[in-house]
Structures are given as structure tokens and as C-alpha cells.
Amino acid sequence: MRYINIKNLKEGMIVAEDITTENNNIPLVKRNSILTGNVINSLNNFNIRGLYIDDAISKNIEIKSNIPETLQSKTVSALKNLNFEGVIDSAKEIVDSYIYLSNISFDKIDNNRNMYEHSLNVCEFSVAVGKMLGYNREKLISLAVSSLLHDVGKVCIDKNLFDKINFSKFISDKLKVDKENENYHYYMHPAYGHNIVNNINGISAHVKAAILEHHENEDGTGFPLGLKSDEINEYAKIIHVCETYDNLLSKYCPSEALEFLMGGSGTKFNYEIVKIFSKNIPIYPKGVTVILSNGFKGIVFENNKDNPLRQKLLLEPTGQIYDLMMPILKNVTIVKIDGYDNNLDEMSLKCK
């Protein structure tokens, strides 16, 4: 199968996976459906940014998730229902999956964009980073719980639960968010999240601190506490990198999102964590169509871990294998992923 940006969908394409919306478990589009103009319009209306299709040229491209769909569904359900015991159980299962996973791949592009699936994505990215940092199982589970719950404070915003917020004096005295700011509640969501989990059994102080501090920047310009570098919880530093990347993917391609992280290393983000994170992320995921400097288009068939800029491609429309590692192609480069037209100037203004 292959990934097609919403801008490039055409009538007659065959959908490779069910597409569901945030508030409905019934698929908006079912697997093996044939796209029509009306269906494509519906996808646009629901802000679906792209989807996987099946066709002859991409039949040998296999793209898998790192954890089973059943575990994904179970985790999202626990998050939606604020079932903290269920979240902790899911965190343990996710960690155990990653501990024994020999080949971690983040080629799969998530089609659905909501808070709960975002949190699951951030958890998977974070656990992969923690594994590379040599965390033991106990620390990986704490990191997984922290990342699954990092945005739980947004529940207060969505449901207008501000009357239920009761900060301790310790937290109140440390907050540095201007109440007159029009985005006050957004900047406060880490503190709201800390408040929600503060009295939950089984959630450690370290996890609570990670939820509170996941938007703090290395240079002290973050929120809601304005902490700097060594003052920031170690899990929070990992989550900050991972959640920023996943948020950027709602509009930008992986190469642009990684470039933003690298540009913010040392100021917004911890340099070492960005470096480790980037080793797990394919610049050009399997199944995406790329445009080459010689004008050709190709679908990424295989990534090269030793040289992440030199992929093995399937040329369109013939399916001919085009290996960028071949000496004869040394001057051919990938220009961009087809369908993405945004740029980093916009990103620097919109990414918080």
C-alpha cells in the first residue's frame, strides 16, 4: 500500500484501511472502498489529511504499526474515559511490546488527528527514545504513563471544568502565565493536567512533574513555570520533543518537522534527545511519494538506516526499482514529499 496526501486523492482509488472520525467508531470510509468525488469531499470536510490506498505499483510495500490495533483501541478508550488504571495497564503493555521489538519503525502515518491518538503517538515515540537511553522497564512505564497523560489537562478546556481546579499553594506560587493572555487556558493545560492526576493512586510524583513541565523550554521561555534546562523533569524533556513532532505532522511532512526540532535544539528542546529521537524517525516514510531533482516521482519502497537520505524507490508509473545508493544516481536527490507545500517560515510562527 501507499500513502496519498488529500490533495492528490483521485476517484477510483481503493482505500487500504478504515478511516474513522474522532467521535464516531463507525468508519467514515471502509477498507476496500472505491473513492468517489463525494467521499473525497467528506474527507476534506473532516480534515483527513491523507490515507493509504492499494494499487498495483505499491502491492509489495508493507507498512506495520509497532503495537497491535487491539492495544491501540484499548489505550484510546482508557484515555477518553479517564480510566487511569486502564491507562497504566496500557502503558505496561506498550512498554513490553517495545522491549521485545527488534525493529522499531515509524513509517506508518496516522490519518486521524485527535487528542487521544496524539497522546498514543507521543507515548510510542517517547518509549522508543527511552529504550535508546537505556531506561529499565520501570522507568519506561513511568515515561509511558507520563506521555499518555501529558495532555489530560485539555479535558478541563474542552469541558469547561475550571471550577474544579484547586491548585496547591506550591503550584500556584510557581505559575508564570499571564491571566490576561487570550490563550491563557491553553498555556495552563499542563497545570490543569497536574491538578487532575494529583490525587490518583499509582501515579508517581515524577509522572505528575512530567505532565506539568512538558511545555518547558531549555532556555526558560516555555510554560507554565518558565523552567530552564536542568530544572526540567527528564520525562518532560522527552515528551516535549515527541509531542511537538507529532503536532507538526498534522500539517508538515516528517523532514520539515525534524528540521524544526533540530533548529530548536538547545533553546526549545534538549539537544541529546532530539539527536536520539531523529534516529528513530524516517525522513521519508515507506509508502510516501517523493519528487526527485531530475523530475521523476517515486514511492519509497525501502529506507536505508545507514544513509537516511538515500532510499530505494519504485518509479511512477512503471514500478521500476530506483535505488539512490547506486553510484550512477549519486547526483539525484529528493526534493520533497509530494502534496506538502508548507514551509518552515510558517512553522516557526505557528508551533508553540
Protein backbone atom coordinates (compact mmCIF):
# COMPACT_ATOMS: atom_id res chain seq x y z
CA MET A 1 0.00 0.00 0.00
CA ARG A 2 1.00 3.63 -0.31
CA TYR A 3 0.17 6.93 1.36
CA ILE A 4 -1.61 9.63 -0.66
CA ASN A 5 -1.95 13.21 0.57
CA ILE A 6 -5.52 14.52 0.49
CA LYS A 7 -4.57 16.91 -2.31
CA ASN A 8 -3.66 14.01 -4.58
CA LEU A 9 -6.60 11.68 -3.99
CA LYS A 10 -8.50 10.71 -7.13
CA GLU A 11 -11.77 8.99 -7.88
CA GLY A 12 -11.36 5.27 -8.39
CA MET A 13 -8.55 4.78 -5.83
CA ILE A 14 -9.03 1.83 -3.46
CA VAL A 15 -8.88 2.58 0.29
CA ALA A 16 -6.45 0.31 2.17
CA GLU A 17 -7.66 0.96 5.75
CA ASP A 18 -10.80 2.06 7.58
CA ILE A 19 -10.96 5.81 8.21
CA THR A 20 -12.83 6.81 11.37
CA THR A 21 -13.60 10.21 12.87
CA GLU A 22 -12.84 11.34 16.41
CA ASN A 23 -16.34 10.95 17.83
CA ASN A 24 -17.56 8.01 15.81
CA ASN A 25 -16.37 4.42 15.82
CA ILE A 26 -18.24 3.70 12.59
CA PRO A 27 -15.80 4.16 9.68
CA LEU A 28 -16.26 7.26 7.56
CA VAL A 29 -14.70 5.23 4.75
CA LYS A 30 -14.27 1.46 4.87
CA ARG A 31 -11.32 -0.58 3.75
CA ASN A 32 -11.56 -1.69 0.09
CA SER A 33 -13.98 1.17 -0.69
CA ILE A 34 -13.55 2.90 -4.04
CA LEU A 35 -13.14 6.66 -3.73
CA THR A 36 -15.74 8.92 -5.30
CA GLY A 37 -15.85 12.69 -5.54
CA ASN A 38 -18.36 12.84 -2.68
CA VAL A 39 -16.19 10.69 -0.44
CA ILE A 40 -13.14 12.84 -1.13
CA ASN A 41 -15.17 15.96 -0.25
CA SER A 42 -16.24 14.30 3.02
CA LEU A 43 -12.64 13.51 3.87
CA ASN A 44 -11.77 17.17 3.30
CA ASN A 45 -14.65 18.28 5.50
CA PHE A 46 -13.38 16.08 8.33
CA ASN A 47 -9.83 17.42 7.89
CA ILE A 48 -8.43 14.00 7.00
CA ARG A 49 -5.01 14.88 5.61
CA GLY A 50 -4.42 11.72 3.62
CA LEU A 51 -4.90 7.97 3.56
CA TYR A 52 -3.41 4.70 2.46
CA ILE A 53 -4.52 3.16 -0.82
CA ASP A 54 -3.90 -0.16 -2.52
CA ASP A 55 -2.76 -0.27 -6.13
CA ALA A 56 -0.64 -2.45 -8.39
CA ILE A 57 2.55 -0.41 -8.09
CA SER A 58 2.58 -0.49 -4.27
CA LYS A 59 1.31 -4.03 -3.64
CA ASN A 60 4.65 -5.16 -2.19
CA ILE A 61 5.02 -2.25 0.24
CA GLU A 62 4.13 -3.44 3.74
CA ILE A 63 3.71 -0.82 6.46
CA LYS A 64 3.06 -2.02 10.01
CA SER A 65 2.34 -0.36 13.33
CA ASN A 66 4.61 -1.20 16.27
CA ILE A 67 1.76 -2.29 18.55
CA PRO A 68 -1.43 -4.26 17.77
CA GLU A 69 -4.62 -2.45 16.81
CA THR A 70 -6.38 -4.00 19.81
CA LEU A 71 -3.90 -2.35 22.17
CA GLN A 72 -4.24 0.96 20.32
CA SER A 73 -8.05 0.85 20.70
CA LYS A 74 -7.82 -0.19 24.35
CA THR A 75 -5.46 2.68 25.14
CA VAL A 76 -7.52 5.33 23.34
CA SER A 77 -10.66 4.11 25.13
CA ALA A 78 -8.96 4.36 28.54
CA LEU A 79 -7.82 7.91 27.76
CA LYS A 80 -11.27 9.00 26.57
CA ASN A 81 -12.90 7.67 29.73
CA LEU A 82 -10.19 8.97 32.08
CA ASN A 83 -9.72 5.39 33.22
CA PHE A 84 -6.35 5.90 34.90
CA GLU A 85 -5.98 2.27 35.92
CA GLY A 86 -6.61 1.31 32.30
CA VAL A 87 -4.05 3.88 31.12
CA ILE A 88 -1.42 2.40 33.44
CA ASP A 89 -2.22 -1.12 32.22
CA SER A 90 -1.92 0.02 28.61
CA ALA A 91 1.40 1.73 29.39
CA LYS A 92 2.77 -1.56 30.70
CA GLU A 93 1.62 -3.43 27.58
CA ILE A 94 3.09 -0.80 25.26
CA VAL A 95 6.42 -0.94 27.08
CA ASP A 96 6.51 -4.73 26.96
CA SER A 97 5.81 -4.61 23.22
CA TYR A 98 8.70 -2.20 22.67
CA ILE A 99 11.15 -4.04 24.93
CA TYR A 100 10.96 -7.10 22.70
CA LEU A 101 10.62 -5.21 19.41
CA SER A 102 13.82 -5.70 17.42
CA ASN A 103 12.90 -3.36 14.56
CA ILE A 104 11.09 -0.18 15.60
CA SER A 105 9.56 1.57 12.61
CA PHE A 106 7.64 4.83 12.49
CA ASP A 107 6.84 4.66 8.79
CA LYS A 108 3.11 4.46 9.49
CA ILE A 109 1.44 7.87 9.10
CA ASP A 110 -1.52 8.44 11.41
CA ASN A 111 -4.59 9.58 9.47
CA ASN A 112 -6.68 10.62 12.46
CA ARG A 113 -5.85 13.72 14.49
CA ASN A 114 -7.38 13.93 17.96
CA MET A 115 -6.04 14.37 21.46
CA TYR A 116 -6.22 10.69 22.38
CA GLU A 117 -4.49 9.28 19.32
CA HIS A 118 -1.95 12.11 19.56
CA SER A 119 -1.19 11.00 23.11
CA LEU A 120 -0.75 7.40 21.97
CA ASN A 121 1.63 8.51 19.21
CA VAL A 122 3.63 10.57 21.71
CA CYS A 123 3.80 7.59 24.04
CA GLU A 124 5.22 5.35 21.32
CA PHE A 125 7.80 7.94 20.26
CA SER A 126 8.76 8.53 23.90
CA VAL A 127 9.17 4.86 24.76
CA ALA A 128 11.39 4.39 21.71
CA VAL A 129 13.59 7.27 22.92
CA GLY A 130 13.62 5.89 26.47
CA LYS A 131 14.67 2.49 25.18
CA MET A 132 17.61 4.07 23.33
CA LEU A 133 18.54 5.93 26.52
CA GLY A 134 18.80 2.58 28.31
CA TYR A 135 15.79 3.00 30.59
CA ASN A 136 14.77 -0.11 32.51
CA ARG A 137 11.19 -1.39 32.40
CA GLU A 138 10.10 0.58 35.46
CA LYS A 139 11.34 3.88 34.03
CA LEU A 140 9.86 3.09 30.61
CA ILE A 141 6.46 2.50 32.21
CA SER A 142 6.65 5.82 34.09
CA LEU A 143 7.61 7.55 30.84
CA ALA A 144 4.75 5.83 29.01
CA VAL A 145 2.18 6.88 31.62
CA SER A 146 3.52 10.45 31.55
CA SER A 147 3.28 10.68 27.78
CA LEU A 148 -0.18 9.09 27.58
CA LEU A 149 -1.47 11.63 30.11
CA HIS A 150 0.58 14.66 29.06
CA ASP A 151 -2.44 16.47 27.53
CA VAL A 152 -5.05 15.32 30.04
CA GLY A 153 -5.40 18.94 31.17
CA LYS A 154 -7.09 19.78 27.88
CA VAL A 155 -10.14 17.94 29.24
CA CYS A 156 -10.67 20.94 31.52
CA ILE A 157 -10.67 23.24 28.50
CA ASP A 158 -12.93 21.03 26.38
CA LYS A 159 -15.47 20.51 29.19
CA ASN A 160 -15.11 23.90 30.91
CA LEU A 161 -14.18 22.35 34.24
CA PHE A 162 -12.28 25.34 35.59
CA ASP A 163 -14.42 25.48 38.73
CA LYS A 164 -12.98 22.10 39.70
CA ILE A 165 -9.39 23.33 39.59
CA ASN A 166 -7.82 23.66 43.03
CA PHE A 167 -4.08 24.26 42.79
CA SER A 168 -1.89 23.71 45.79
CA LYS A 169 -0.03 26.79 47.03
CA PHE A 170 3.19 25.13 45.90
CA ILE A 171 1.97 25.09 42.28
CA SER A 172 0.15 28.44 42.41
CA ASP A 173 3.25 30.25 43.57
CA LYS A 174 5.33 28.86 40.69
CA LEU A 175 2.93 29.58 37.80
CA LYS A 176 4.11 32.26 35.36
CA VAL A 177 1.19 32.58 32.94
CA ASP A 178 -0.37 35.98 32.26
CA LYS A 179 -4.09 35.76 33.07
CA GLU A 180 -4.78 38.48 30.51
CA ASN A 181 -3.34 36.38 27.67
CA GLU A 182 -6.07 35.36 25.22
CA ASN A 183 -4.58 31.84 25.18
CA TYR A 184 -4.38 31.63 28.96
CA HIS A 185 -6.19 28.31 29.27
CA TYR A 186 -4.01 26.68 26.61
CA TYR A 187 -0.87 27.79 28.42
CA MET A 188 -2.34 26.46 31.64
CA HIS A 189 -3.28 23.00 30.36
CA PRO A 190 -0.13 21.34 31.78
CA ALA A 191 -1.05 22.72 35.22
CA TYR A 192 -4.66 21.60 34.78
CA GLY A 193 -3.37 18.14 33.91
CA HIS A 194 -1.20 18.06 37.03
CA ASN A 195 -4.28 19.01 39.07
CA ILE A 196 -6.36 16.19 37.55
CA VAL A 197 -3.82 13.46 38.34
CA ASN A 198 -2.54 14.88 41.62
CA ASN A 199 -4.55 12.56 43.85
CA ILE A 200 -4.70 9.50 41.59
CA ASN A 201 -3.27 6.34 43.14
CA GLY A 202 -0.50 4.70 41.16
CA ILE A 203 0.74 7.91 39.51
CA SER A 204 4.12 8.94 40.90
CA ALA A 205 5.38 12.44 41.64
CA HIS A 206 7.84 12.04 38.76
CA VAL A 207 4.98 11.38 36.33
CA LYS A 208 2.99 14.33 37.68
CA ALA A 209 6.01 16.59 37.21
CA ALA A 210 6.38 15.41 33.61
CA ILE A 211 2.75 16.32 32.88
CA LEU A 212 3.23 19.74 34.47
CA GLU A 213 6.52 20.50 32.67
CA HIS A 214 6.11 19.05 29.17
CA HIS A 215 5.98 22.51 27.56
CA GLU A 216 9.03 23.93 29.32
CA ASN A 217 11.89 25.06 27.06
CA GLU A 218 15.61 24.66 27.64
CA ASP A 219 16.11 28.44 27.62
CA GLY A 220 13.31 29.18 30.10
CA THR A 221 10.81 30.53 27.56
CA GLY A 222 8.32 27.69 27.98
CA PHE A 223 5.20 27.40 30.14
CA PRO A 224 3.58 27.32 32.66
CA LEU A 225 6.56 27.60 35.04
CA GLY A 226 9.34 29.10 32.90
CA LEU A 227 11.84 26.43 33.98
CA LYS A 228 15.29 26.10 32.42
CA SER A 229 17.37 23.11 31.30
CA ASP A 230 18.39 21.15 34.44
CA GLU A 231 15.25 22.27 36.28
CA ILE A 232 13.02 20.37 33.83
CA ASN A 233 11.85 16.81 34.51
CA GLU A 234 13.69 14.30 32.30
CA TYR A 235 10.48 12.65 31.04
CA ALA A 236 9.06 16.09 30.24
CA LYS A 237 12.07 16.82 28.00
CA ILE A 238 11.41 13.66 26.00
CA ILE A 239 7.67 14.33 25.76
CA HIS A 240 8.28 17.92 24.63
CA VAL A 241 10.27 16.72 21.61
CA CYS A 242 7.87 13.89 20.75
CA GLU A 243 4.63 15.83 21.13
CA THR A 244 5.96 18.78 19.11
CA TYR A 245 6.93 16.44 16.29
CA ASP A 246 3.54 14.71 16.27
CA ASN A 247 1.69 18.04 16.32
CA LEU A 248 3.75 19.26 13.36
CA LEU A 249 2.79 16.17 11.37
CA SER A 250 -0.79 17.44 11.22
CA LYS A 251 0.43 19.92 8.60
CA TYR A 252 4.06 19.32 7.70
CA CYS A 253 5.99 16.40 6.29
CA PRO A 254 8.45 14.45 8.50
CA SER A 255 11.57 16.06 7.02
CA GLU A 256 10.26 19.57 7.78
CA ALA A 257 9.14 18.56 11.28
CA LEU A 258 12.58 17.09 12.04
CA GLU A 259 14.25 20.23 10.70
CA PHE A 260 12.17 22.33 13.10
CA LEU A 261 13.26 20.16 16.05
CA MET A 262 16.90 20.37 15.03
CA GLY A 263 16.64 24.15 14.63
CA GLY A 264 15.26 24.40 18.18
CA SER A 265 17.88 22.13 19.77
CA GLY A 266 19.46 23.77 22.78
CA THR A 267 16.85 26.52 23.02
CA LYS A 268 13.41 24.89 22.92
CA PHE A 269 14.48 21.25 23.05
CA ASN A 270 17.19 19.17 24.68
CA TYR A 271 19.91 18.59 22.09
CA GLU A 272 20.69 14.96 23.01
CA ILE A 273 17.04 13.93 22.98
CA VAL A 274 16.48 15.48 19.55
CA LYS A 275 19.53 13.60 18.28
CA ILE A 276 18.29 10.28 19.65
CA PHE A 277 14.72 10.92 18.51
CA SER A 278 15.81 11.67 14.94
CA LYS A 279 17.48 8.25 14.71
CA ASN A 280 14.07 6.59 15.11
CA ILE A 281 12.21 8.71 12.56
CA PRO A 282 12.36 8.11 8.80
CA ILE A 283 12.80 11.37 6.93
CA TYR A 284 10.81 9.85 4.08
CA PRO A 285 8.49 7.11 5.41
CA LYS A 286 7.79 3.97 3.39
CA GLY A 287 4.83 4.40 1.08
CA VAL A 288 5.07 8.16 0.52
CA THR A 289 5.62 9.58 -2.97
CA VAL A 290 8.68 11.80 -3.35
CA ILE A 291 9.70 14.20 -6.09
CA LEU A 292 13.30 13.91 -7.29
CA SER A 293 15.69 16.58 -8.51
CA ASN A 294 15.57 15.08 -12.02
CA GLY A 295 11.79 15.50 -12.18
CA PHE A 296 10.92 11.83 -11.57
CA LYS A 297 8.44 10.68 -8.93
CA GLY A 298 8.95 7.59 -6.82
CA ILE A 299 7.30 5.74 -3.95
CA VAL A 300 9.58 4.97 -1.00
CA PHE A 301 9.96 1.19 -1.01
CA GLU A 302 12.77 0.79 1.49
CA ASN A 303 14.73 3.09 3.79
CA ASN A 304 18.47 2.93 4.32
CA LYS A 305 19.29 3.22 8.06
CA ASP A 306 22.95 3.90 7.33
CA ASN A 307 22.09 6.74 4.95
CA PRO A 308 18.57 8.10 5.63
CA LEU A 309 18.64 10.38 2.57
CA ARG A 310 19.23 7.56 0.06
CA GLN A 311 16.11 5.44 -0.33
CA LYS A 312 15.11 2.60 -2.61
CA LEU A 313 12.14 3.82 -4.68
CA LEU A 314 9.53 2.49 -7.08
CA LEU A 315 9.32 4.89 -10.00
CA GLU A 316 5.91 6.07 -11.14
CA PRO A 317 4.17 4.88 -13.22
CA THR A 318 6.27 1.82 -14.15
CA GLY A 319 7.20 0.44 -10.72
CA GLN A 320 10.86 0.21 -11.75
CA ILE A 321 13.22 -0.04 -8.75
CA TYR A 322 15.29 3.13 -8.41
CA ASP A 323 18.00 2.76 -5.77
CA LEU A 324 19.50 6.12 -4.79
CA MET A 325 22.53 4.30 -3.37
CA MET A 326 23.66 3.38 -6.89
CA PRO A 327 26.75 5.41 -7.91
CA ILE A 328 25.11 6.39 -11.21
CA LEU A 329 22.40 8.21 -9.21
CA LYS A 330 24.72 10.00 -6.79
CA ASN A 331 23.67 13.44 -8.06
CA VAL A 332 19.92 12.71 -7.80
CA THR A 333 18.30 13.98 -4.61
CA ILE A 334 14.84 14.00 -3.09
CA VAL A 335 13.31 17.47 -3.32
CA LYS A 336 10.18 16.93 -1.24
CA ILE A 337 7.26 14.65 -0.41
CA ASP A 338 4.51 15.07 -2.98
CA GLY A 339 1.49 17.02 -1.73
CA TYR A 340 3.18 19.08 1.00
CA ASP A 341 3.50 22.78 0.18
CA ASN A 342 4.09 24.38 3.59
CA ASN A 343 7.41 25.82 4.68
CA LEU A 344 9.46 26.30 7.82
CA ASP A 345 8.84 30.05 7.98
CA GLU A 346 5.16 29.37 8.64
CA MET A 347 6.08 26.65 11.11
CA SER A 348 8.22 28.88 13.31
CA LEU A 349 5.25 31.21 13.77
CA LYS A 350 2.62 28.57 14.47
CA CYS A 351 4.40 25.94 16.53
CA LYS A 352 4.24 26.56 20.30
